[in-house]
C-alpha atoms as a PDB file:
ATOM      1  CA  MET A   1     -28.712  10.939  -0.067  1.00  0.00           C
ATOM      2  CA  ARG A   2     -26.220  11.247  -2.946  1.00  0.00           C
ATOM      3  CA  GLU A   3     -28.957  12.650  -5.189  1.00  0.00           C
ATOM      4  CA  ILE A   4     -29.645  15.370  -2.602  1.00  0.00           C
ATOM      5  CA  LEU A   5     -25.934  16.217  -2.335  1.00  0.00           C
ATOM      6  CA  CYS A   6     -25.371  15.919  -6.109  1.00  0.00           C
ATOM      7  CA  CYS A   7     -22.241  13.789  -5.756  1.00  0.00           C
ATOM      8  CA  SER A   8     -21.074  10.371  -6.861  1.00  0.00           C
ATOM      9  CA  ARG A   9     -21.396   7.278  -4.701  1.00  0.00           C
ATOM     10  CA  GLU A  10     -17.583   7.134  -4.426  1.00  0.00           C
ATOM     11  CA  THR A  11     -17.445  10.716  -3.122  1.00  0.00           C
ATOM     12  CA  LEU A  12     -20.176  10.013  -0.583  1.00  0.00           C
ATOM     13  CA  ARG A  13     -18.412   6.847   0.624  1.00  0.00           C
ATOM     14  CA  ALA A  14     -15.128   8.743   0.969  1.00  0.00           C
ATOM     15  CA  CYS A  15     -16.893  11.440   3.027  1.00  0.00           C
ATOM     16  CA  TYR A  16     -18.503   8.827   5.271  1.00  0.00           C
ATOM     17  CA  ALA A  17     -15.124   7.105   5.722  1.00  0.00           C
ATOM     18  CA  THR A  18     -13.509  10.407   6.706  1.00  0.00           C
ATOM     19  CA  LEU A  19     -16.293  11.253   9.149  1.00  0.00           C
ATOM     20  CA  GLU A  20     -16.075   7.771  10.637  1.00  0.00           C
ATOM     21  CA  ALA A  21     -12.281   7.965  10.968  1.00  0.00           C
ATOM     22  CA  GLU A  22     -12.717  11.293  12.795  1.00  0.00           C
ATOM     23  CA  GLY A  23     -15.268   9.761  15.168  1.00  0.00           C
ATOM     24  CA  GLU A  24     -18.149  11.913  13.931  1.00  0.00           C
ATOM     25  CA  ILE A  25     -20.248   8.936  12.764  1.00  0.00           C
ATOM     26  CA  TRP A  26     -20.243   5.157  12.955  1.00  0.00           C
ATOM     27  CA  ARG A  27     -21.804   2.613  10.628  1.00  0.00           C
ATOM     28  CA  HIS A  28     -23.223  -0.844  11.091  1.00  0.00           C
ATOM     29  CA  VAL A  29     -24.196  -3.037   8.147  1.00  0.00           C
ATOM     30  CA  GLY A  30     -27.918  -3.651   8.067  1.00  0.00           C
ATOM     31  CA  GLN A  31     -28.624  -1.038  10.721  1.00  0.00           C
ATOM     32  CA  GLY A  32     -27.473   2.278   9.278  1.00  0.00           C
ATOM     33  CA  THR A  33     -25.198   5.237   9.918  1.00  0.00           C
ATOM     34  CA  PHE A  34     -25.202   6.901  13.316  1.00  0.00           C
ATOM     35  CA  ARG A  35     -23.869  10.182  14.686  1.00  0.00           C
ATOM     36  CA  GLY A  36     -21.141  10.084  17.346  1.00  0.00           C
ATOM     37  CA  HIS A  37     -18.552   7.520  18.410  1.00  0.00           C
ATOM     38  CA  ARG A  38     -19.066   3.796  17.893  1.00  0.00           C
ATOM     39  CA  PRO A  39     -20.243   2.136  21.125  1.00  0.00           C
ATOM     40  CA  VAL A  40     -17.424   0.126  22.717  1.00  0.00           C
ATOM     41  CA  HIS A  41     -19.296  -3.170  22.384  1.00  0.00           C
ATOM     42  CA  MET A  42     -19.794  -2.797  18.599  1.00  0.00           C
ATOM     43  CA  PRO A  43     -17.135  -4.587  16.510  1.00  0.00           C
ATOM     44  CA  ILE A  44     -15.441  -2.705  13.659  1.00  0.00           C
ATOM     45  CA  ARG A  45     -15.475  -4.374  10.255  1.00  0.00           C
ATOM     46  CA  GLU A  46     -12.031  -4.635   8.659  1.00  0.00           C
ATOM     47  CA  THR A  47     -13.247  -3.129   5.392  1.00  0.00           C
ATOM     48  CA  LEU A  48     -14.371   0.008   7.214  1.00  0.00           C
ATOM     49  CA  LEU A  49     -10.951   0.308   8.796  1.00  0.00           C
ATOM     50  CA  VAL A  50      -9.325   0.120   5.367  1.00  0.00           C
ATOM     51  CA  GLU A  51     -11.762   2.621   3.841  1.00  0.00           C
ATOM     52  CA  GLY A  52     -11.078   5.056   6.674  1.00  0.00           C
ATOM     53  CA  ALA A  53      -7.290   4.718   6.412  1.00  0.00           C
ATOM     54  CA  THR A  54      -5.429   7.800   5.240  1.00  0.00           C
ATOM     55  CA  PRO A  55      -2.284   7.609   3.066  1.00  0.00           C
ATOM     56  CA  PRO A  56      -0.100   8.355   6.156  1.00  0.00           C
ATOM     57  CA  ASP A  57      -1.884   5.528   8.056  1.00  0.00           C
ATOM     58  CA  LEU A  58      -1.118   3.166   5.208  1.00  0.00           C
ATOM     59  CA  MET A  59       2.533   4.220   4.953  1.00  0.00           C
ATOM     60  CA  THR A  60       3.027   3.787   8.701  1.00  0.00           C
ATOM     61  CA  ALA A  61       1.640   0.251   8.481  1.00  0.00           C
ATOM     62  CA  ARG A  62       3.774  -0.551   5.440  1.00  0.00           C
ATOM     63  CA  LEU A  63       6.928   0.772   7.131  1.00  0.00           C
ATOM     64  CA  LEU A  64       6.243  -1.410  10.177  1.00  0.00           C
ATOM     65  CA  LEU A  65       5.443  -4.564   8.240  1.00  0.00           C
ATOM     66  CA  GLU A  66       7.154  -4.723   4.852  1.00  0.00           C
ATOM     67  CA  PRO A  67      10.805  -4.508   5.982  1.00  0.00           C
ATOM     68  CA  GLN A  68      10.165  -7.558   8.162  1.00  0.00           C
ATOM     69  CA  VAL A  69       8.515  -9.331   5.229  1.00  0.00           C
ATOM     70  CA  ALA A  70      11.608  -8.649   3.093  1.00  0.00           C
ATOM     71  CA  SER A  71      13.790  -9.960   5.919  1.00  0.00           C
ATOM     72  CA  ALA A  72      11.754 -13.186   6.080  1.00  0.00           C
ATOM     73  CA  ALA A  73      11.965 -13.511   2.283  1.00  0.00           C
ATOM     74  CA  ALA A  74      15.776 -13.298   2.465  1.00  0.00           C
ATOM     75  CA  LEU A  75      15.777 -16.319   4.783  1.00  0.00           C
ATOM     76  CA  ARG A  76      13.588 -18.469   2.515  1.00  0.00           C
ATOM     77  CA  ALA A  77      14.234 -17.474  -1.099  1.00  0.00           C
ATOM     78  CA  ASP A  78      15.480 -19.989  -3.622  1.00  0.00           C
ATOM     79  CA  ALA A  79      16.762 -19.453  -7.179  1.00  0.00           C
ATOM     80  CA  SER A  80      13.271 -19.562  -8.717  1.00  0.00           C
ATOM     81  CA  ASP A  81      12.073 -16.881  -6.274  1.00  0.00           C
ATOM     82  CA  ILE A  82      14.939 -14.599  -7.275  1.00  0.00           C
ATOM     83  CA  THR A  83      14.149 -15.105 -10.960  1.00  0.00           C
ATOM     84  CA  HIS A  84      10.500 -14.285 -10.268  1.00  0.00           C
ATOM     85  CA  LEU A  85      11.379 -11.159  -8.245  1.00  0.00           C
ATOM     86  CA  ARG A  86      13.750  -9.905 -10.941  1.00  0.00           C
ATOM     87  CA  ALA A  87      10.982 -10.379 -13.531  1.00  0.00           C
ATOM     88  CA  LYS A  88       8.687  -8.220 -11.382  1.00  0.00           C
ATOM     89  CA  VAL A  89      11.361  -5.493 -11.225  1.00  0.00           C
ATOM     90  CA  SER A  90      11.672  -5.625 -15.045  1.00  0.00           C
ATOM     91  CA  GLU A  91       7.900  -5.249 -15.418  1.00  0.00           C
ATOM     92  CA  GLY A  92       8.063  -2.110 -13.280  1.00  0.00           C
ATOM     93  CA  ARG A  93      10.888  -0.686 -15.365  1.00  0.00           C
ATOM     94  CA  SER A  94       8.975  -1.209 -18.592  1.00  0.00           C
ATOM     95  CA  ALA A  95       5.601   0.110 -17.351  1.00  0.00           C
ATOM     96  CA  ARG A  96       4.447   3.138 -19.324  1.00  0.00           C
ATOM     97  CA  SER A  97       1.490   4.562 -17.399  1.00  0.00           C
ATOM     98  CA  ARG A  98       0.632   5.411 -13.799  1.00  0.00           C
ATOM     99  CA  SER A  99      -1.753   2.488 -13.663  1.00  0.00           C
ATOM    100  CA  ALA A 100       0.803   0.050 -15.108  1.00  0.00           C
ATOM    101  CA  CYS A 101       3.476   1.333 -12.694  1.00  0.00           C
ATOM    102  CA  GLU A 102       1.189   0.883  -9.719  1.00  0.00           C
ATOM    103  CA  GLN A 103       0.155  -2.611 -10.799  1.00  0.00           C
ATOM    104  CA  ALA A 104       3.795  -3.596 -11.293  1.00  0.00           C
ATOM    105  CA  ASP A 105       4.713  -2.116  -7.901  1.00  0.00           C
ATOM    106  CA  ASP A 106       1.880  -3.993  -6.213  1.00  0.00           C
ATOM    107  CA  ALA A 107       2.932  -7.239  -7.947  1.00  0.00           C
ATOM    108  CA  PHE A 108       6.531  -6.756  -6.783  1.00  0.00           C
ATOM    109  CA  HIS A 109       5.564  -6.233  -3.133  1.00  0.00           C
ATOM    110  CA  ARG A 110       3.218  -9.202  -3.262  1.00  0.00           C
ATOM    111  CA  ALA A 111       5.991 -11.369  -4.764  1.00  0.00           C
ATOM    112  CA  VAL A 112       8.288 -10.414  -1.867  1.00  0.00           C
ATOM    113  CA  ALA A 113       5.558 -11.453   0.574  1.00  0.00           C
ATOM    114  CA  GLU A 114       5.019 -14.746  -1.280  1.00  0.00           C
ATOM    115  CA  THR A 115       8.759 -15.413  -1.085  1.00  0.00           C
ATOM    116  CA  SER A 116       8.482 -15.264   2.723  1.00  0.00           C
ATOM    117  CA  ARG A 117       6.283 -18.390   2.480  1.00  0.00           C
ATOM    118  CA  ASN A 118       4.322 -17.145   5.484  1.00  0.00           C
ATOM    119  CA  PRO A 119       0.569 -17.120   4.783  1.00  0.00           C
ATOM    120  CA  VAL A 120      -0.103 -14.589   7.552  1.00  0.00           C
ATOM    121  CA  LEU A 121       2.415 -12.097   6.107  1.00  0.00           C
ATOM    122  CA  ILE A 122       1.037 -12.697   2.615  1.00  0.00           C
ATOM    123  CA  GLY A 123      -2.473 -12.033   3.951  1.00  0.00           C
ATOM    124  CA  PHE A 124      -1.380  -8.767   5.586  1.00  0.00           C
ATOM    125  CA  LEU A 125       0.231  -7.595   2.351  1.00  0.00           C
ATOM    126  CA  ILE A 126      -2.902  -8.453   0.363  1.00  0.00           C
ATOM    127  CA  TYR A 127      -4.929  -6.487   2.926  1.00  0.00           C
ATOM    128  CA  LEU A 128      -2.624  -3.457   2.592  1.00  0.00           C
ATOM    129  CA  SER A 129      -2.743  -3.809  -1.177  1.00  0.00           C
ATOM    130  CA  GLY A 130      -6.529  -3.526  -0.978  1.00  0.00           C
ATOM    131  CA  ALA A 131      -6.139  -0.257   0.923  1.00  0.00           C
ATOM    132  CA  ARG A 132      -3.990   1.102  -1.910  1.00  0.00           C
ATOM    133  CA  ARG A 133      -6.970   0.703  -4.241  1.00  0.00           C
ATOM    134  CA  ARG A 134      -9.166   2.950  -2.102  1.00  0.00           C
ATOM    135  CA  ALA A 135     -10.055   6.455  -3.257  1.00  0.00           C
ATOM    136  CA  ALA A 136      -7.960   8.417  -0.717  1.00  0.00           C
ATOM    137  CA  TRP A 137      -4.736   6.585  -1.591  1.00  0.00           C
ATOM    138  CA  GLN A 138      -5.409   6.719  -5.336  1.00  0.00           C
ATOM    139  CA  ARG A 139      -6.000  10.467  -5.249  1.00  0.00           C
ATOM    140  CA  GLU A 140      -2.821  11.139  -3.276  1.00  0.00           C
ATOM    141  CA  TRP A 141      -0.737   8.776  -5.379  1.00  0.00           C
ATOM    142  CA  ASP A 142      -2.069  10.259  -8.613  1.00  0.00           C
ATOM    143  CA  ARG A 143      -1.023  13.751  -7.453  1.00  0.00           C
ATOM    144  CA  THR A 144       2.406  12.463  -6.419  1.00  0.00           C
ATOM    145  CA  TYR A 145       2.904  10.587  -9.670  1.00  0.00           C
ATOM    146  CA  ARG A 146       1.975  13.649 -11.750  1.00  0.00           C
ATOM    147  CA  ARG A 147       4.567  15.742  -9.912  1.00  0.00           C
ATOM    148  CA  ILE A 148       7.366  13.239 -10.558  1.00  0.00           C
ATOM    149  CA  ALA A 149       8.499  12.578 -14.108  1.00  0.00           C
ATOM    150  CA  PRO A 150       7.385   9.015 -14.975  1.00  0.00           C
ATOM    151  CA  ASP A 151      10.911   8.043 -16.078  1.00  0.00           C
ATOM    152  CA  GLU A 152      12.353   9.294 -12.798  1.00  0.00           C
ATOM    153  CA  PHE A 153       9.664   7.461 -10.862  1.00  0.00           C
ATOM    154  CA  GLN A 154      10.336   4.201 -12.685  1.00  0.00           C
ATOM    155  CA  THR A 155      14.110   4.479 -12.370  1.00  0.00           C
ATOM    156  CA  ILE A 156      14.147   5.322  -8.656  1.00  0.00           C
ATOM    157  CA  HIS A 157      11.566   2.713  -7.672  1.00  0.00           C
ATOM    158  CA  SER A 158      12.980   0.020  -9.918  1.00  0.00           C
ATOM    159  CA  ASP A 159      16.506   0.643  -8.619  1.00  0.00           C
ATOM    160  CA  GLN A 160      15.185   0.391  -5.064  1.00  0.00           C
ATOM    161  CA  HIS A 161      13.294  -2.800  -5.912  1.00  0.00           C
ATOM    162  CA  ASP A 162      16.553  -4.163  -7.366  1.00  0.00           C
ATOM    163  CA  ALA A 163      18.333  -3.381  -4.081  1.00  0.00           C
ATOM    164  CA  VAL A 164      15.681  -5.335  -2.166  1.00  0.00           C
ATOM    165  CA  VAL A 165      16.068  -8.315  -4.515  1.00  0.00           C
ATOM    166  CA  ASP A 166      19.883  -8.161  -4.312  1.00  0.00           C
ATOM    167  CA  ALA A 167      19.705  -8.402  -0.509  1.00  0.00           C
ATOM    168  CA  ILE A 168      17.164 -11.248  -0.663  1.00  0.00           C
ATOM    169  CA  ALA A 169      19.328 -13.088  -3.227  1.00  0.00           C
ATOM    170  CA  ALA A 170      22.369 -12.692  -0.952  1.00  0.00           C
ATOM    171  CA  ALA A 171      20.323 -14.138   1.951  1.00  0.00           C
ATOM    172  CA  HIS A 172      21.002 -11.023   4.070  1.00  0.00           C
ATOM    173  CA  PRO A 173      17.810 -10.381   6.074  1.00  0.00           C
ATOM    174  CA  GLU A 174      19.031  -7.135   7.692  1.00  0.00           C
ATOM    175  CA  ASP A 175      20.044  -5.693   4.317  1.00  0.00           C
ATOM    176  CA  ALA A 176      16.708  -6.741   2.792  1.00  0.00           C
ATOM    177  CA  ALA A 177      14.811  -5.022   5.619  1.00  0.00           C
ATOM    178  CA  ARG A 178      16.973  -1.888   5.254  1.00  0.00           C
ATOM    179  CA  ALA A 179      16.501  -1.767   1.463  1.00  0.00           C
ATOM    180  CA  MET A 180      12.723  -2.125   1.833  1.00  0.00           C
ATOM    181  CA  ARG A 181      12.622   0.530   4.549  1.00  0.00           C
ATOM    182  CA  ASN A 182      14.602   2.937   2.329  1.00  0.00           C
ATOM    183  CA  HIS A 183      12.230   2.274  -0.574  1.00  0.00           C
ATOM    184  CA  LEU A 184       9.104   2.908   1.502  1.00  0.00           C
ATOM    185  CA  ALA A 185      10.670   6.001   3.104  1.00  0.00           C
ATOM    186  CA  THR A 186      11.159   7.414  -0.412  1.00  0.00           C
ATOM    187  CA  ILE A 187       7.465   6.900  -1.174  1.00  0.00           C
ATOM    188  CA  GLU A 188       6.474   8.432   2.153  1.00  0.00           C
ATOM    189  CA  ALA A 189       8.715  11.465   1.525  1.00  0.00           C
ATOM    190  CA  GLU A 190       7.182  12.015  -1.914  1.00  0.00           C
ATOM    191  CA  ILE A 191       3.664  11.929  -0.464  1.00  0.00           C
ATOM    192  CA  VAL A 192       4.580  14.275   2.407  1.00  0.00           C
ATOM    193  CA  MET A 193       6.340  16.669   0.006  1.00  0.00           C
ATOM    194  CA  ARG A 194       3.234  16.699  -2.198  1.00  0.00           C
ATOM    195  CA  SER A 195       0.901  17.449   0.707  1.00  0.00           C
ATOM    196  CA  ASN A 196       3.017  20.424   1.966  1.00  0.00           C
END
């Protein structure tokens, strides 16, 4: 099919994911791709859900989940966790490329989840992190990152990460949740501004 359409496999997958998210097609491993809505009795694979997620879908999920993860981290963090989190903030500050910034950001958010010591929350964050590696998110984030000066991006995000760590270190769950919510709202606003 991709040879007929003269496009890459990644482009074709992204198109299928969009069509599936819009209910135009449904896919079943080993059986094929079908036109129309998925029959009610057919289960949806998690990976297809992630591939079909749009950047706004992902940000909504992150805004619902990550402030609570930061709150849980504030209740469980010890001195070694705080040292580890501060090291992750420093890595973000010193990153020099979009890719390095994104990796450092991902590592920071994962470290917050690990500090919660809740395997279910850690699993959710790993799942969301996987969605950030998908083509739709990468394209949108690349556009956003190009519009913002890298130094500004690093300073704002690193300062916000610092605020999250400060609240976790102070064992203030409400402040940690608020700081994380403010950080994610900044990202969401940048993406929305870019798409307008």
